[in-house]
Amino acid sequence: MFVVIYTPVEVLQQVAVGLTDAQVAERLVISVRTVNRHLTSIYNKLGVNSRAAATRFAVEHHLV
């Protein structure tokens, strides 16, 4: 058995295509709380405070 570790970038990619936190959690087989922690980290690193701004970053940097 092995464990897959998802990075914040993978969470951002899922969010950027319009998935909800719950959908991201289900797709990546992680908890909604983990999705929220990744998003908080992403927002802090990018200096943004919204899902829309993080999505814009993902699109501008060809992550999606």
PDB file of N, CA and C in Angstrom:
ATOM      1  N   MET A   1       0.838  -1.180   0.000  1.00  0.00           N
ATOM      2  CA  MET A   1       0.000   0.000   0.000  1.00  0.00           C
ATOM      3  C   MET A   1       0.887   1.249   0.000  1.00  0.00           C
ATOM      4  N   PHE A   2       0.456   2.263  -0.727  1.00  0.00           N
ATOM      5  CA  PHE A   2       1.207   3.502  -0.752  1.00  0.00           C
ATOM      6  C   PHE A   2       0.257   4.679  -0.566  1.00  0.00           C
ATOM      7  N   VAL A   3       0.820   5.791  -0.169  1.00  0.00           N
ATOM      8  CA  VAL A   3       0.036   7.001   0.083  1.00  0.00           C
ATOM      9  C   VAL A   3       0.425   8.045  -0.951  1.00  0.00           C
ATOM     10  N   VAL A   4      -0.575   8.644  -1.575  1.00  0.00           N
ATOM     11  CA  VAL A   4      -0.327   9.705  -2.542  1.00  0.00           C
ATOM     12  C   VAL A   4      -0.422  11.036  -1.807  1.00  0.00           C
ATOM     13  N   ILE A   5       0.581  11.867  -1.980  1.00  0.00           N
ATOM     14  CA  ILE A   5       0.598  13.180  -1.352  1.00  0.00           C
ATOM     15  C   ILE A   5       0.257  14.214  -2.419  1.00  0.00           C
ATOM     16  N   TYR A   6      -0.782  14.979  -2.168  1.00  0.00           N
ATOM     17  CA  TYR A   6      -1.177  16.026  -3.101  1.00  0.00           C
ATOM     18  C   TYR A   6      -0.605  17.355  -2.655  1.00  0.00           C
ATOM     19  N   THR A   7      -0.111  18.099  -3.600  1.00  0.00           N
ATOM     20  CA  THR A   7       0.479  19.394  -3.304  1.00  0.00           C
ATOM     21  C   THR A   7      -0.571  20.483  -3.415  1.00  0.00           C
ATOM     22  N   PRO A   8      -0.292  21.623  -2.840  1.00  0.00           N
ATOM     23  CA  PRO A   8      -1.209  22.752  -2.990  1.00  0.00           C
ATOM     24  C   PRO A   8      -1.467  23.114  -4.458  1.00  0.00           C
ATOM     25  N   VAL A   9      -0.489  22.902  -5.324  1.00  0.00           N
ATOM     26  CA  VAL A   9      -0.684  23.213  -6.743  1.00  0.00           C
ATOM     27  C   VAL A   9      -1.790  22.343  -7.333  1.00  0.00           C
ATOM     28  N   GLU A  10      -1.828  21.082  -6.961  1.00  0.00           N
ATOM     29  CA  GLU A  10      -2.878  20.192  -7.462  1.00  0.00           C
ATOM     30  C   GLU A  10      -4.244  20.618  -6.943  1.00  0.00           C
ATOM     31  N   VAL A  11      -4.296  21.085  -5.715  1.00  0.00           N
ATOM     32  CA  VAL A  11      -5.555  21.605  -5.168  1.00  0.00           C
ATOM     33  C   VAL A  11      -5.956  22.860  -5.946  1.00  0.00           C
ATOM     34  N   LEU A  12      -5.003  23.757  -6.186  1.00  0.00           N
ATOM     35  CA  LEU A  12      -5.290  24.977  -6.940  1.00  0.00           C
ATOM     36  C   LEU A  12      -5.807  24.652  -8.335  1.00  0.00           C
ATOM     37  N   GLN A  13      -5.237  23.684  -8.987  1.00  0.00           N
ATOM     38  CA  GLN A  13      -5.691  23.304 -10.320  1.00  0.00           C
ATOM     39  C   GLN A  13      -7.153  22.849 -10.299  1.00  0.00           C
ATOM     40  N   GLN A  14      -7.520  22.100  -9.289  1.00  0.00           N
ATOM     41  CA  GLN A  14      -8.898  21.620  -9.182  1.00  0.00           C
ATOM     42  C   GLN A  14      -9.863  22.767  -8.896  1.00  0.00           C
ATOM     43  N   VAL A  15      -9.452  23.659  -8.015  1.00  0.00           N
ATOM     44  CA  VAL A  15     -10.273  24.825  -7.673  1.00  0.00           C
ATOM     45  C   VAL A  15     -10.439  25.727  -8.893  1.00  0.00           C
ATOM     46  N   ALA A  16      -9.367  25.882  -9.658  1.00  0.00           N
ATOM     47  CA  ALA A  16      -9.381  26.781 -10.809  1.00  0.00           C
ATOM     48  C   ALA A  16     -10.318  26.326 -11.923  1.00  0.00           C
ATOM     49  N   VAL A  17     -10.620  25.040 -11.961  1.00  0.00           N
ATOM     50  CA  VAL A  17     -11.575  24.568 -12.971  1.00  0.00           C
ATOM     51  C   VAL A  17     -13.009  24.579 -12.447  1.00  0.00           C
ATOM     52  N   GLY A  18     -13.179  25.114 -11.240  1.00  0.00           N
ATOM     53  CA  GLY A  18     -14.526  25.339 -10.732  1.00  0.00           C
ATOM     54  C   GLY A  18     -15.061  24.350  -9.724  1.00  0.00           C
ATOM     55  N   LEU A  19     -14.222  23.449  -9.248  1.00  0.00           N
ATOM     56  CA  LEU A  19     -14.714  22.484  -8.267  1.00  0.00           C
ATOM     57  C   LEU A  19     -14.854  23.128  -6.886  1.00  0.00           C
ATOM     58  N   THR A  20     -15.818  22.662  -6.130  1.00  0.00           N
ATOM     59  CA  THR A  20     -15.992  23.109  -4.752  1.00  0.00           C
ATOM     60  C   THR A  20     -14.955  22.419  -3.878  1.00  0.00           C
ATOM     61  N   ASP A  21     -14.812  22.893  -2.655  1.00  0.00           N
ATOM     62  CA  ASP A  21     -13.887  22.247  -1.722  1.00  0.00           C
ATOM     63  C   ASP A  21     -14.246  20.778  -1.539  1.00  0.00           C
ATOM     64  N   ALA A  22     -15.519  20.497  -1.411  1.00  0.00           N
ATOM     65  CA  ALA A  22     -15.965  19.118  -1.214  1.00  0.00           C
ATOM     66  C   ALA A  22     -15.648  18.256  -2.435  1.00  0.00           C
ATOM     67  N   GLN A  23     -15.819  18.806  -3.620  1.00  0.00           N
ATOM     68  CA  GLN A  23     -15.511  18.059  -4.837  1.00  0.00           C
ATOM     69  C   GLN A  23     -14.014  17.805  -4.967  1.00  0.00           C
ATOM     70  N   VAL A  24     -13.201  18.803  -4.627  1.00  0.00           N
ATOM     71  CA  VAL A  24     -11.751  18.629  -4.650  1.00  0.00           C
ATOM     72  C   VAL A  24     -11.358  17.537  -3.669  1.00  0.00           C
ATOM     73  N   ALA A  25     -11.908  17.599  -2.476  1.00  0.00           N
ATOM     74  CA  ALA A  25     -11.597  16.595  -1.449  1.00  0.00           C
ATOM     75  C   ALA A  25     -11.943  15.194  -1.934  1.00  0.00           C
ATOM     76  N   GLU A  26     -13.109  15.059  -2.535  1.00  0.00           N
ATOM     77  CA  GLU A  26     -13.532  13.746  -3.027  1.00  0.00           C
ATOM     78  C   GLU A  26     -12.619  13.263  -4.149  1.00  0.00           C
ATOM     79  N   ARG A  27     -12.309  14.143  -5.078  1.00  0.00           N
ATOM     80  CA  ARG A  27     -11.483  13.776  -6.227  1.00  0.00           C
ATOM     81  C   ARG A  27     -10.061  13.392  -5.811  1.00  0.00           C
ATOM     82  N   LEU A  28      -9.499  14.119  -4.853  1.00  0.00           N
ATOM     83  CA  LEU A  28      -8.127  13.861  -4.426  1.00  0.00           C
ATOM     84  C   LEU A  28      -8.044  12.900  -3.238  1.00  0.00           C
ATOM     85  N   VAL A  29      -9.195  12.476  -2.749  1.00  0.00           N
ATOM     86  CA  VAL A  29      -9.293  11.560  -1.616  1.00  0.00           C
ATOM     87  C   VAL A  29      -8.555  12.136  -0.404  1.00  0.00           C
ATOM     88  N   ILE A  30      -8.927  13.366  -0.080  1.00  0.00           N
ATOM     89  CA  ILE A  30      -8.431  14.042   1.113  1.00  0.00           C
ATOM     90  C   ILE A  30      -9.629  14.685   1.797  1.00  0.00           C
ATOM     91  N   SER A  31      -9.446  15.187   2.987  1.00  0.00           N
ATOM     92  CA  SER A  31     -10.561  15.795   3.705  1.00  0.00           C
ATOM     93  C   SER A  31     -10.785  17.234   3.238  1.00  0.00           C
ATOM     94  N   VAL A  32     -11.983  17.729   3.450  1.00  0.00           N
ATOM     95  CA  VAL A  32     -12.295  19.119   3.130  1.00  0.00           C
ATOM     96  C   VAL A  32     -11.389  20.036   3.951  1.00  0.00           C
ATOM     97  N   ARG A  33     -11.112  19.654   5.162  1.00  0.00           N
ATOM     98  CA  ARG A  33     -10.224  20.453   6.017  1.00  0.00           C
ATOM     99  C   ARG A  33      -8.827  20.575   5.396  1.00  0.00           C
ATOM    100  N   THR A  34      -8.335  19.493   4.818  1.00  0.00           N
ATOM    101  CA  THR A  34      -7.029  19.532   4.156  1.00  0.00           C
ATOM    102  C   THR A  34      -7.085  20.453   2.941  1.00  0.00           C
ATOM    103  N   VAL A  35      -8.164  20.403   2.185  1.00  0.00           N
ATOM    104  CA  VAL A  35      -8.339  21.318   1.055  1.00  0.00           C
ATOM    105  C   VAL A  35      -8.289  22.755   1.562  1.00  0.00           C
ATOM    106  N   ASN A  36      -9.011  23.035   2.631  1.00  0.00           N
ATOM    107  CA  ASN A  36      -9.024  24.386   3.191  1.00  0.00           C
ATOM    108  C   ASN A  36      -7.635  24.825   3.640  1.00  0.00           C
ATOM    109  N   ARG A  37      -6.881  23.925   4.250  1.00  0.00           N
ATOM    110  CA  ARG A  37      -5.513  24.265   4.681  1.00  0.00           C
ATOM    111  C   ARG A  37      -4.626  24.565   3.478  1.00  0.00           C
ATOM    112  N   HIS A  38      -4.760  23.764   2.425  1.00  0.00           N
ATOM    113  CA  HIS A  38      -3.987  24.026   1.214  1.00  0.00           C
ATOM    114  C   HIS A  38      -4.369  25.379   0.617  1.00  0.00           C
ATOM    115  N   LEU A  39      -5.652  25.686   0.583  1.00  0.00           N
ATOM    116  CA  LEU A  39      -6.091  26.967   0.015  1.00  0.00           C
ATOM    117  C   LEU A  39      -5.575  28.145   0.830  1.00  0.00           C
ATOM    118  N   THR A  40      -5.591  28.018   2.138  1.00  0.00           N
ATOM    119  CA  THR A  40      -5.053  29.082   2.987  1.00  0.00           C
ATOM    120  C   THR A  40      -3.572  29.297   2.684  1.00  0.00           C
ATOM    121  N   SER A  41      -2.842  28.216   2.548  1.00  0.00           N
ATOM    122  CA  SER A  41      -1.419  28.286   2.213  1.00  0.00           C
ATOM    123  C   SER A  41      -1.220  28.934   0.841  1.00  0.00           C
ATOM    124  N   ILE A  42      -2.029  28.537  -0.119  1.00  0.00           N
ATOM    125  CA  ILE A  42      -1.945  29.096  -1.470  1.00  0.00           C
ATOM    126  C   ILE A  42      -2.205  30.597  -1.438  1.00  0.00           C
ATOM    127  N   TYR A  43      -3.271  31.000  -0.776  1.00  0.00           N
ATOM    128  CA  TYR A  43      -3.614  32.424  -0.705  1.00  0.00           C
ATOM    129  C   TYR A  43      -2.465  33.221  -0.088  1.00  0.00           C
ATOM    130  N   ASN A  44      -1.886  32.702   0.975  1.00  0.00           N
ATOM    131  CA  ASN A  44      -0.775  33.394   1.634  1.00  0.00           C
ATOM    132  C   ASN A  44       0.442  33.501   0.732  1.00  0.00           C
ATOM    133  N   LYS A  45       0.787  32.415   0.062  1.00  0.00           N
ATOM    134  CA  LYS A  45       1.966  32.418  -0.804  1.00  0.00           C
ATOM    135  C   LYS A  45       1.783  33.338  -2.005  1.00  0.00           C
ATOM    136  N   LEU A  46       0.559  33.402  -2.530  1.00  0.00           N
ATOM    137  CA  LEU A  46       0.304  34.232  -3.708  1.00  0.00           C
ATOM    138  C   LEU A  46      -0.027  35.673  -3.344  1.00  0.00           C
ATOM    139  N   GLY A  47      -0.296  35.929  -2.075  1.00  0.00           N
ATOM    140  CA  GLY A  47      -0.668  37.267  -1.648  1.00  0.00           C
ATOM    141  C   GLY A  47      -2.056  37.660  -2.118  1.00  0.00           C
ATOM    142  N   VAL A  48      -2.946  36.676  -2.177  1.00  0.00           N
ATOM    143  CA  VAL A  48      -4.330  36.926  -2.588  1.00  0.00           C
ATOM    144  C   VAL A  48      -5.263  36.533  -1.456  1.00  0.00           C
ATOM    145  N   ASN A  49      -6.520  36.928  -1.574  1.00  0.00           N
ATOM    146  CA  ASN A  49      -7.467  36.573  -0.514  1.00  0.00           C
ATOM    147  C   ASN A  49      -8.786  36.036  -1.047  1.00  0.00           C
ATOM    148  N   SER A  50      -8.770  35.577  -2.300  1.00  0.00           N
ATOM    149  CA  SER A  50     -10.009  35.027  -2.843  1.00  0.00           C
ATOM    150  C   SER A  50      -9.725  33.877  -3.805  1.00  0.00           C
ATOM    151  N   ARG A  51     -10.727  33.063  -3.963  1.00  0.00           N
ATOM    152  CA  ARG A  51     -10.690  31.942  -4.895  1.00  0.00           C
ATOM    153  C   ARG A  51     -10.501  32.453  -6.328  1.00  0.00           C
ATOM    154  N   ALA A  52     -11.184  33.544  -6.635  1.00  0.00           N
ATOM    155  CA  ALA A  52     -11.099  34.124  -7.978  1.00  0.00           C
ATOM    156  C   ALA A  52      -9.678  34.593  -8.288  1.00  0.00           C
ATOM    157  N   ALA A  53      -9.034  35.245  -7.330  1.00  0.00           N
ATOM    158  CA  ALA A  53      -7.670  35.727  -7.538  1.00  0.00           C
ATOM    159  C   ALA A  53      -6.696  34.560  -7.693  1.00  0.00           C
ATOM    160  N   ALA A  54      -6.883  33.514  -6.923  1.00  0.00           N
ATOM    161  CA  ALA A  54      -6.025  32.340  -7.042  1.00  0.00           C
ATOM    162  C   ALA A  54      -6.243  31.661  -8.390  1.00  0.00           C
ATOM    163  N   THR A  55      -7.494  31.627  -8.842  1.00  0.00           N
ATOM    164  CA  THR A  55      -7.814  31.056 -10.154  1.00  0.00           C
ATOM    165  C   THR A  55      -7.158  31.871 -11.262  1.00  0.00           C
ATOM    166  N   ARG A  56      -7.224  33.173 -11.133  1.00  0.00           N
ATOM    167  CA  ARG A  56      -6.587  34.040 -12.130  1.00  0.00           C
ATOM    168  C   ARG A  56      -5.088  33.744 -12.210  1.00  0.00           C
ATOM    169  N   PHE A  57      -4.443  33.608 -11.054  1.00  0.00           N
ATOM    170  CA  PHE A  57      -3.026  33.268 -11.022  1.00  0.00           C
ATOM    171  C   PHE A  57      -2.783  31.951 -11.758  1.00  0.00           C
ATOM    172  N   ALA A  58      -3.605  30.949 -11.483  1.00  0.00           N
ATOM    173  CA  ALA A  58      -3.444  29.631 -12.105  1.00  0.00           C
ATOM    174  C   ALA A  58      -3.570  29.721 -13.621  1.00  0.00           C
ATOM    175  N   VAL A  59      -4.519  30.503 -14.091  1.00  0.00           N
ATOM    176  CA  VAL A  59      -4.715  30.655 -15.531  1.00  0.00           C
ATOM    177  C   VAL A  59      -3.544  31.412 -16.143  1.00  0.00           C
ATOM    178  N   GLU A  60      -3.150  32.503 -15.533  1.00  0.00           N
ATOM    179  CA  GLU A  60      -2.047  33.320 -16.070  1.00  0.00           C
ATOM    180  C   GLU A  60      -0.720  32.572 -16.103  1.00  0.00           C
ATOM    181  N   HIS A  61      -0.565  31.612 -15.213  1.00  0.00           N
ATOM    182  CA  HIS A  61       0.685  30.851 -15.146  1.00  0.00           C
ATOM    183  C   HIS A  61       0.547  29.452 -15.755  1.00  0.00           C
ATOM    184  N   HIS A  62      -0.502  29.278 -16.544  1.00  0.00           N
ATOM    185  CA  HIS A  62      -0.721  28.038 -17.319  1.00  0.00           C
ATOM    186  C   HIS A  62      -0.744  26.784 -16.448  1.00  0.00           C
ATOM    187  N   LEU A  63      -1.324  26.891 -15.277  1.00  0.00           N
ATOM    188  CA  LEU A  63      -1.476  25.724 -14.408  1.00  0.00           C
ATOM    189  C   LEU A  63      -2.730  24.932 -14.741  1.00  0.00           C
ATOM    190  N   VAL A  64      -3.618  25.568 -15.500  1.00  0.00           N
ATOM    191  CA  VAL A  64      -4.847  24.896 -15.950  1.00  0.00           C
ATOM    192  C   VAL A  64      -5.030  25.129 -17.428  1.00  0.00           C
TER     193      VAL A  64
END
